[in-house]
Full PDB file with SEQRES, HELIX, SHEET, SSBOND, CRYST1, ORIGX, SCALE, CONECT and MASTER records, all heavy atoms in Angstrom:
SEQRES   1 A   33  GLN VAL GLN LEU VAL GLU SER GLY GLY GLY LEU VAL ARG          
SEQRES   2 A   33  ALA GLY GLY SER LEU ARG LEU SER CYS ALA ALA THR GLY          
SEQRES   3 A   33  SER ILE PHE ASN ILE ASN ARG                                  
SHEET    1 AA1 2 VAL A   2  SER A   7  0                                        
SHEET    2 AA1 2 SER A  21  GLY A  26 -1                                        
CRYST1    1.000    1.000    1.000  90.00  90.00  90.00 P 1           1          
ORIGX1      1.000000  0.000000  0.000000        0.00000                         
ORIGX2      0.000000  1.000000  0.000000        0.00000                         
ORIGX3      0.000000  0.000000  1.000000        0.00000                         
SCALE1      1.000000  0.000000  0.000000        0.00000                         
SCALE2      0.000000  1.000000  0.000000        0.00000                         
SCALE3      0.000000  0.000000  1.000000        0.00000                         
ATOM      1  N   GLN A   1      53.288 138.750 117.400  1.00  0.00           N  
ATOM      2  CA  GLN A   1      52.925 139.456 118.625  1.00  0.00           C  
ATOM      3  C   GLN A   1      52.859 138.503 119.760  1.00  0.00           C  
ATOM      4  O   GLN A   1      52.544 137.354 119.619  1.00  0.00           O  
ATOM      5  CB  GLN A   1      51.568 140.181 118.449  1.00  0.00           C  
ATOM      6  CG  GLN A   1      51.627 141.398 117.621  1.00  0.00           C  
ATOM      7  CD  GLN A   1      52.344 142.573 118.018  1.00  0.00           C  
ATOM      8  OE1 GLN A   1      52.383 142.787 119.188  1.00  0.00           O  
ATOM      9  NE2 GLN A   1      53.026 143.209 117.157  1.00  0.00           N  
ATOM     10  N   VAL A   2      53.207 139.019 120.919  1.00  0.00           N  
ATOM     11  CA  VAL A   2      53.160 138.295 122.167  1.00  0.00           C  
ATOM     12  C   VAL A   2      52.309 139.076 123.171  1.00  0.00           C  
ATOM     13  O   VAL A   2      52.444 140.217 123.293  1.00  0.00           O  
ATOM     14  CB  VAL A   2      54.621 138.080 122.836  1.00  0.00           C  
ATOM     15  CG1 VAL A   2      54.452 137.380 124.136  1.00  0.00           C  
ATOM     16  CG2 VAL A   2      55.479 137.303 121.841  1.00  0.00           C  
ATOM     17  N   GLN A   3      51.343 138.340 123.735  1.00  0.00           N  
ATOM     18  CA  GLN A   3      50.609 138.983 124.790  1.00  0.00           C  
ATOM     19  C   GLN A   3      51.001 138.467 126.174  1.00  0.00           C  
ATOM     20  O   GLN A   3      51.135 137.200 126.271  1.00  0.00           O  
ATOM     21  CB  GLN A   3      49.101 138.698 124.548  1.00  0.00           C  
ATOM     22  CG  GLN A   3      48.531 139.404 123.330  1.00  0.00           C  
ATOM     23  CD  GLN A   3      48.817 138.599 122.041  1.00  0.00           C  
ATOM     24  OE1 GLN A   3      48.814 137.402 121.998  1.00  0.00           O  
ATOM     25  NE2 GLN A   3      49.319 139.299 120.999  1.00  0.00           N  
ATOM     26  N   LEU A   4      51.099 139.347 127.143  1.00  0.00           N  
ATOM     27  CA  LEU A   4      51.537 138.943 128.461  1.00  0.00           C  
ATOM     28  C   LEU A   4      50.461 139.485 129.439  1.00  0.00           C  
ATOM     29  O   LEU A   4      50.131 140.640 129.414  1.00  0.00           O  
ATOM     30  CB  LEU A   4      52.887 139.544 128.745  1.00  0.00           C  
ATOM     31  CG  LEU A   4      54.030 139.202 127.849  1.00  0.00           C  
ATOM     32  CD1 LEU A   4      55.245 140.098 128.138  1.00  0.00           C  
ATOM     33  CD2 LEU A   4      54.397 137.690 127.911  1.00  0.00           C  
ATOM     34  N   VAL A   5      50.005 138.623 130.323  1.00  0.00           N  
ATOM     35  CA  VAL A   5      49.016 138.985 131.343  1.00  0.00           C  
ATOM     36  C   VAL A   5      49.576 138.585 132.695  1.00  0.00           C  
ATOM     37  O   VAL A   5      49.735 137.389 132.968  1.00  0.00           O  
ATOM     38  CB  VAL A   5      47.701 138.311 131.049  1.00  0.00           C  
ATOM     39  CG1 VAL A   5      46.691 138.691 132.135  1.00  0.00           C  
ATOM     40  CG2 VAL A   5      47.217 138.784 129.658  1.00  0.00           C  
ATOM     41  N   GLU A   6      49.777 139.596 133.554  1.00  0.00           N  
ATOM     42  CA  GLU A   6      50.282 139.324 134.933  1.00  0.00           C  
ATOM     43  C   GLU A   6      49.052 139.042 135.828  1.00  0.00           C  
ATOM     44  O   GLU A   6      47.990 139.613 135.673  1.00  0.00           O  
ATOM     45  CB  GLU A   6      51.125 140.476 135.462  1.00  0.00           C  
ATOM     46  CG  GLU A   6      52.316 140.796 134.612  1.00  0.00           C  
ATOM     47  CD  GLU A   6      52.081 141.926 133.705  1.00  0.00           C  
ATOM     48  OE1 GLU A   6      50.930 142.216 133.358  1.00  0.00           O  
ATOM     49  OE2 GLU A   6      53.079 142.702 133.326  1.00  0.00           O  
ATOM     50  N   SER A   7      49.350 138.384 136.979  1.00  0.00           N  
ATOM     51  CA  SER A   7      48.355 138.155 138.029  1.00  0.00           C  
ATOM     52  C   SER A   7      49.202 137.864 139.306  1.00  0.00           C  
ATOM     53  O   SER A   7      50.408 137.560 139.227  1.00  0.00           O  
ATOM     54  CB  SER A   7      47.401 137.033 137.717  1.00  0.00           C  
ATOM     55  OG  SER A   7      48.058 135.870 137.520  1.00  0.00           O  
ATOM     56  N   GLY A   8      48.514 137.958 140.410  1.00  0.00           N  
ATOM     57  CA  GLY A   8      49.073 137.570 141.728  1.00  0.00           C  
ATOM     58  C   GLY A   8      49.545 138.738 142.605  1.00  0.00           C  
ATOM     59  O   GLY A   8      49.935 138.479 143.709  1.00  0.00           O  
ATOM     60  N   GLY A   9      49.352 139.961 142.167  1.00  0.00           N  
ATOM     61  CA  GLY A   9      49.742 141.002 143.006  1.00  0.00           C  
ATOM     62  C   GLY A   9      48.734 141.197 144.116  1.00  0.00           C  
ATOM     63  O   GLY A   9      47.655 140.539 144.115  1.00  0.00           O  
ATOM     64  N   GLY A  10      49.031 142.109 145.037  1.00  0.00           N  
ATOM     65  CA  GLY A  10      48.061 142.385 146.165  1.00  0.00           C  
ATOM     66  C   GLY A  10      48.711 143.108 147.257  1.00  0.00           C  
ATOM     67  O   GLY A  10      49.835 143.643 147.108  1.00  0.00           O  
ATOM     68  N   LEU A  11      48.017 143.103 148.377  1.00  0.00           N  
ATOM     69  CA  LEU A  11      48.485 143.808 149.570  1.00  0.00           C  
ATOM     70  C   LEU A  11      49.026 142.758 150.578  1.00  0.00           C  
ATOM     71  O   LEU A  11      48.283 141.805 150.885  1.00  0.00           O  
ATOM     72  CB  LEU A  11      47.379 144.656 150.203  1.00  0.00           C  
ATOM     73  CG  LEU A  11      47.712 145.241 151.563  1.00  0.00           C  
ATOM     74  CD1 LEU A  11      48.717 146.302 151.516  1.00  0.00           C  
ATOM     75  CD2 LEU A  11      46.389 145.896 152.147  1.00  0.00           C  
ATOM     76  N   VAL A  12      50.167 142.906 151.131  1.00  0.00           N  
ATOM     77  CA  VAL A  12      50.753 141.991 152.070  1.00  0.00           C  
ATOM     78  C   VAL A  12      51.519 142.723 153.094  1.00  0.00           C  
ATOM     79  O   VAL A  12      52.124 143.809 152.866  1.00  0.00           O  
ATOM     80  CB  VAL A  12      51.655 140.910 151.247  1.00  0.00           C  
ATOM     81  CG1 VAL A  12      52.904 141.619 150.659  1.00  0.00           C  
ATOM     82  CG2 VAL A  12      52.058 139.824 152.169  1.00  0.00           C  
ATOM     83  N   ARG A  13      51.661 142.168 154.253  1.00  0.00           N  
ATOM     84  CA  ARG A  13      52.458 142.725 155.309  1.00  0.00           C  
ATOM     85  C   ARG A  13      53.854 142.514 155.149  1.00  0.00           C  
ATOM     86  O   ARG A  13      54.265 141.460 154.496  1.00  0.00           O  
ATOM     87  CB  ARG A  13      51.989 142.370 156.691  1.00  0.00           C  
ATOM     88  CG  ARG A  13      50.550 142.725 156.900  1.00  0.00           C  
ATOM     89  CD  ARG A  13      50.111 142.283 158.370  1.00  0.00           C  
ATOM     90  NE  ARG A  13      50.746 143.139 159.328  1.00  0.00           N  
ATOM     91  CZ  ARG A  13      50.401 143.135 160.620  1.00  0.00           C  
ATOM     92  NH1 ARG A  13      49.453 142.323 161.113  1.00  0.00           N  
ATOM     93  NH2 ARG A  13      51.022 143.863 161.469  1.00  0.00           N  
ATOM     94  N   ALA A  14      54.684 143.293 155.634  1.00  0.00           N  
ATOM     95  CA  ALA A  14      56.254 143.088 155.591  1.00  0.00           C  
ATOM     96  C   ALA A  14      56.537 141.714 156.143  1.00  0.00           C  
ATOM     97  O   ALA A  14      55.942 141.272 157.223  1.00  0.00           O  
ATOM     98  CB  ALA A  14      56.900 144.169 156.363  1.00  0.00           C  
ATOM     99  N   GLY A  15      57.420 140.998 155.503  1.00  0.00           N  
ATOM    100  CA  GLY A  15      57.783 139.727 155.836  1.00  0.00           C  
ATOM    101  C   GLY A  15      56.941 138.599 155.149  1.00  0.00           C  
ATOM    102  O   GLY A  15      57.401 137.388 155.247  1.00  0.00           O  
ATOM    103  N   GLY A  16      55.889 138.975 154.557  1.00  0.00           N  
ATOM    104  CA  GLY A  16      55.047 138.017 153.812  1.00  0.00           C  
ATOM    105  C   GLY A  16      55.562 137.622 152.455  1.00  0.00           C  
ATOM    106  O   GLY A  16      56.672 138.040 151.965  1.00  0.00           O  
ATOM    107  N   SER A  17      54.657 136.869 151.732  1.00  0.00           N  
ATOM    108  CA  SER A  17      55.133 136.317 150.434  1.00  0.00           C  
ATOM    109  C   SER A  17      54.054 136.494 149.452  1.00  0.00           C  
ATOM    110  O   SER A  17      52.747 136.585 149.872  1.00  0.00           O  
ATOM    111  CB  SER A  17      55.446 134.835 150.544  1.00  0.00           C  
ATOM    112  OG  SER A  17      56.493 134.645 151.436  1.00  0.00           O  
ATOM    113  N   LEU A  18      54.385 136.693 148.176  1.00  0.00           N  
ATOM    114  CA  LEU A  18      53.445 136.625 147.091  1.00  0.00           C  
ATOM    115  C   LEU A  18      54.108 135.946 145.960  1.00  0.00           C  
ATOM    116  O   LEU A  18      55.339 135.885 145.859  1.00  0.00           O  
ATOM    117  CB  LEU A  18      53.091 138.083 146.678  1.00  0.00           C  
ATOM    118  CG  LEU A  18      52.142 138.888 147.506  1.00  0.00           C  
ATOM    119  CD1 LEU A  18      52.057 140.327 146.856  1.00  0.00           C  
ATOM    120  CD2 LEU A  18      50.690 138.322 147.521  1.00  0.00           C  
ATOM    121  N   ARG A  19      53.216 135.358 145.081  1.00  0.00           N  
ATOM    122  CA  ARG A  19      53.744 134.758 143.844  1.00  0.00           C  
ATOM    123  C   ARG A  19      53.039 135.380 142.663  1.00  0.00           C  
ATOM    124  O   ARG A  19      51.846 135.401 142.539  1.00  0.00           O  
ATOM    125  CB  ARG A  19      53.559 133.255 143.809  1.00  0.00           C  
ATOM    126  CG  ARG A  19      54.261 132.588 142.580  1.00  0.00           C  
ATOM    127  CD  ARG A  19      54.255 131.168 142.491  1.00  0.00           C  
ATOM    128  NE  ARG A  19      52.965 130.657 141.981  1.00  0.00           N  
ATOM    129  CZ  ARG A  19      52.767 129.431 141.381  1.00  0.00           C  
ATOM    130  NH1 ARG A  19      53.813 128.696 141.241  1.00  0.00           N  
ATOM    131  NH2 ARG A  19      51.640 129.130 140.898  1.00  0.00           N  
ATOM    132  N   LEU A  20      53.866 136.027 141.740  1.00  0.00           N  
ATOM    133  CA  LEU A  20      53.402 136.644 140.591  1.00  0.00           C  
ATOM    134  C   LEU A  20      53.392 135.587 139.412  1.00  0.00           C  
ATOM    135  O   LEU A  20      54.324 134.804 139.339  1.00  0.00           O  
ATOM    136  CB  LEU A  20      54.097 137.861 140.154  1.00  0.00           C  
ATOM    137  CG  LEU A  20      54.212 138.984 141.259  1.00  0.00           C  
ATOM    138  CD1 LEU A  20      55.011 140.195 140.680  1.00  0.00           C  
ATOM    139  CD2 LEU A  20      52.883 139.396 141.747  1.00  0.00           C  
ATOM    140  N   SER A  21      52.349 135.640 138.582  1.00  0.00           N  
ATOM    141  CA  SER A  21      52.405 134.858 137.355  1.00  0.00           C  
ATOM    142  C   SER A  21      52.261 135.732 136.151  1.00  0.00           C  
ATOM    143  O   SER A  21      51.651 136.786 136.176  1.00  0.00           O  
ATOM    144  CB  SER A  21      51.203 133.883 137.449  1.00  0.00           C  
ATOM    145  OG  SER A  21      51.277 132.991 138.502  1.00  0.00           O  
ATOM    146  N   CYS A  22      52.781 135.266 135.051  1.00  0.00           N  
ATOM    147  CA  CYS A  22      52.713 135.991 133.779  1.00  0.00           C  
ATOM    148  C   CYS A  22      52.412 134.978 132.758  1.00  0.00           C  
ATOM    149  O   CYS A  22      53.290 134.096 132.364  1.00  0.00           O  
ATOM    150  CB  CYS A  22      53.965 136.730 133.418  1.00  0.00           C  
ATOM    151  SG  CYS A  22      54.021 137.456 131.788  1.00  0.00           S  
ATOM    152  N   ALA A  23      51.221 134.926 132.111  1.00  0.00           N  
ATOM    153  CA  ALA A  23      50.849 134.057 131.078  1.00  0.00           C  
ATOM    154  C   ALA A  23      51.113 134.586 129.770  1.00  0.00           C  
ATOM    155  O   ALA A  23      50.625 135.761 129.439  1.00  0.00           O  
ATOM    156  CB  ALA A  23      49.298 133.670 131.247  1.00  0.00           C  
ATOM    157  N   ALA A  24      51.838 133.914 128.984  1.00  0.00           N  
ATOM    158  CA  ALA A  24      52.185 134.371 127.554  1.00  0.00           C  
ATOM    159  C   ALA A  24      51.423 133.659 126.536  1.00  0.00           C  
ATOM    160  O   ALA A  24      51.270 132.388 126.585  1.00  0.00           O  
ATOM    161  CB  ALA A  24      53.685 134.153 127.339  1.00  0.00           C  
ATOM    162  N   THR A  25      50.845 134.411 125.542  1.00  0.00           N  
ATOM    163  CA  THR A  25      50.186 133.788 124.460  1.00  0.00           C  
ATOM    164  C   THR A  25      50.563 134.521 123.172  1.00  0.00           C  
ATOM    165  O   THR A  25      51.270 135.527 123.179  1.00  0.00           O  
ATOM    166  CB  THR A  25      48.584 134.058 124.628  1.00  0.00           C  
ATOM    167  OG1 THR A  25      48.295 135.391 124.711  1.00  0.00           O  
ATOM    168  CG2 THR A  25      48.118 133.259 125.895  1.00  0.00           C  
ATOM    169  N   GLY A  26      50.129 133.912 122.040  1.00  0.00           N  
ATOM    170  CA  GLY A  26      50.644 134.500 120.774  1.00  0.00           C  
ATOM    171  C   GLY A  26      51.884 133.784 120.186  1.00  0.00           C  
ATOM    172  O   GLY A  26      51.988 132.598 120.399  1.00  0.00           O  
ATOM    173  N   SER A  27      52.640 134.578 119.605  1.00  0.00           N  
ATOM    174  CA  SER A  27      53.904 134.076 118.990  1.00  0.00           C  
ATOM    175  C   SER A  27      55.004 133.942 120.002  1.00  0.00           C  
ATOM    176  O   SER A  27      55.998 134.695 120.011  1.00  0.00           O  
ATOM    177  CB  SER A  27      54.340 134.985 117.843  1.00  0.00           C  
ATOM    178  OG  SER A  27      53.322 135.123 116.903  1.00  0.00           O  
ATOM    179  N   ILE A  28      54.860 132.933 120.924  1.00  0.00           N  
ATOM    180  CA  ILE A  28      55.785 132.764 121.987  1.00  0.00           C  
ATOM    181  C   ILE A  28      57.059 131.952 121.718  1.00  0.00           C  
ATOM    182  O   ILE A  28      57.895 131.801 122.444  1.00  0.00           O  
ATOM    183  CB  ILE A  28      55.001 132.098 123.213  1.00  0.00           C  
ATOM    184  CG1 ILE A  28      54.520 130.741 122.828  1.00  0.00           C  
ATOM    185  CG2 ILE A  28      53.893 133.080 123.695  1.00  0.00           C  
ATOM    186  CD1 ILE A  28      53.921 129.993 123.990  1.00  0.00           C  
ATOM    187  N   PHE A  29      57.059 131.347 120.444  1.00  0.00           N  
ATOM    188  CA  PHE A  29      58.230 130.661 120.082  1.00  0.00           C  
ATOM    189  C   PHE A  29      59.449 131.688 119.916  1.00  0.00           C  
ATOM    190  O   PHE A  29      59.230 132.806 119.692  1.00  0.00           O  
ATOM    191  CB  PHE A  29      58.057 129.864 118.773  1.00  0.00           C  
ATOM    192  CG  PHE A  29      57.649 130.817 117.650  1.00  0.00           C  
ATOM    193  CD1 PHE A  29      58.544 131.332 116.764  1.00  0.00           C  
ATOM    194  CD2 PHE A  29      56.293 131.062 117.376  1.00  0.00           C  
ATOM    195  CE1 PHE A  29      58.187 132.129 115.687  1.00  0.00           C  
ATOM    196  CE2 PHE A  29      55.903 131.803 116.297  1.00  0.00           C  
ATOM    197  CZ  PHE A  29      56.847 132.391 115.534  1.00  0.00           C  
ATOM    198  N   ASN A  30      60.587 131.157 120.085  1.00  0.00           N  
ATOM    199  CA  ASN A  30      61.839 132.049 120.010  1.00  0.00           C  
ATOM    200  C   ASN A  30      61.801 133.186 120.918  1.00  0.00           C  
ATOM    201  O   ASN A  30      62.558 134.200 120.710  1.00  0.00           O  
ATOM    202  CB  ASN A  30      61.956 132.554 118.550  1.00  0.00           C  
ATOM    203  CG  ASN A  30      62.320 131.406 117.614  1.00  0.00           C  
ATOM    204  OD1 ASN A  30      62.877 130.451 117.936  1.00  0.00           O  
ATOM    205  ND2 ASN A  30      62.030 131.598 116.365  1.00  0.00           N  
ATOM    206  N   ILE A  31      61.157 133.092 122.072  1.00  0.00           N  
ATOM    207  CA  ILE A  31      61.385 134.080 123.155  1.00  0.00           C  
ATOM    208  C   ILE A  31      62.728 133.740 123.769  1.00  0.00           C  
ATOM    209  O   ILE A  31      63.019 132.670 124.282  1.00  0.00           O  
ATOM    210  CB  ILE A  31      60.213 134.008 124.219  1.00  0.00           C  
ATOM    211  CG1 ILE A  31      58.957 134.550 123.623  1.00  0.00           C  
ATOM    212  CG2 ILE A  31      60.682 134.864 125.403  1.00  0.00           C  
ATOM    213  CD1 ILE A  31      57.858 134.518 124.629  1.00  0.00           C  
ATOM    214  N   ASN A  32      63.635 134.735 123.739  1.00  0.00           N  
ATOM    215  CA  ASN A  32      64.972 134.506 124.165  1.00  0.00           C  
ATOM    216  C   ASN A  32      65.097 134.546 125.719  1.00  0.00           C  
ATOM    217  O   ASN A  32      65.780 133.798 126.305  1.00  0.00           O  
ATOM    218  CB  ASN A  32      65.860 135.512 123.595  1.00  0.00           C  
ATOM    219  CG  ASN A  32      65.978 135.443 122.121  1.00  0.00           C  
ATOM    220  OD1 ASN A  32      66.078 134.386 121.528  1.00  0.00           O  
ATOM    221  ND2 ASN A  32      65.920 136.580 121.421  1.00  0.00           N  
ATOM    222  N   ARG A  33      64.376 135.539 126.299  1.00  0.00           N  
ATOM    223  CA  ARG A  33      64.408 135.641 127.700  1.00  0.00           C  
ATOM    224  C   ARG A  33      63.196 136.363 128.184  1.00  0.00           C  
ATOM    225  O   ARG A  33      62.549 137.144 127.406  1.00  0.00           O  
ATOM    226  CB  ARG A  33      65.667 136.361 128.176  1.00  0.00           C  
ATOM    227  CG  ARG A  33      65.811 137.855 127.708  1.00  0.00           C  
ATOM    228  CD  ARG A  33      67.189 138.384 128.022  1.00  0.00           C  
ATOM    229  NE  ARG A  33      67.227 139.833 127.597  1.00  0.00           N  
ATOM    230  CZ  ARG A  33      68.285 140.519 127.669  1.00  0.00           C  
ATOM    231  NH1 ARG A  33      69.458 140.031 128.160  1.00  0.00           N  
ATOM    232  NH2 ARG A  33      68.315 141.767 127.293  1.00  0.00           N  
TER     233      ARG A  33                                                      
MASTER        0    0    0    0    2    0    0    6  232    1    0    3          
END                                                                             
């Protein structure tokens, strides 16, 4: 099993920037993409 947890979302005005992150745990070996 692989667990994925996203973070970094939010409210931003047009033209702005955000960076999303996704932390993977568990059986992360052999993840193809």
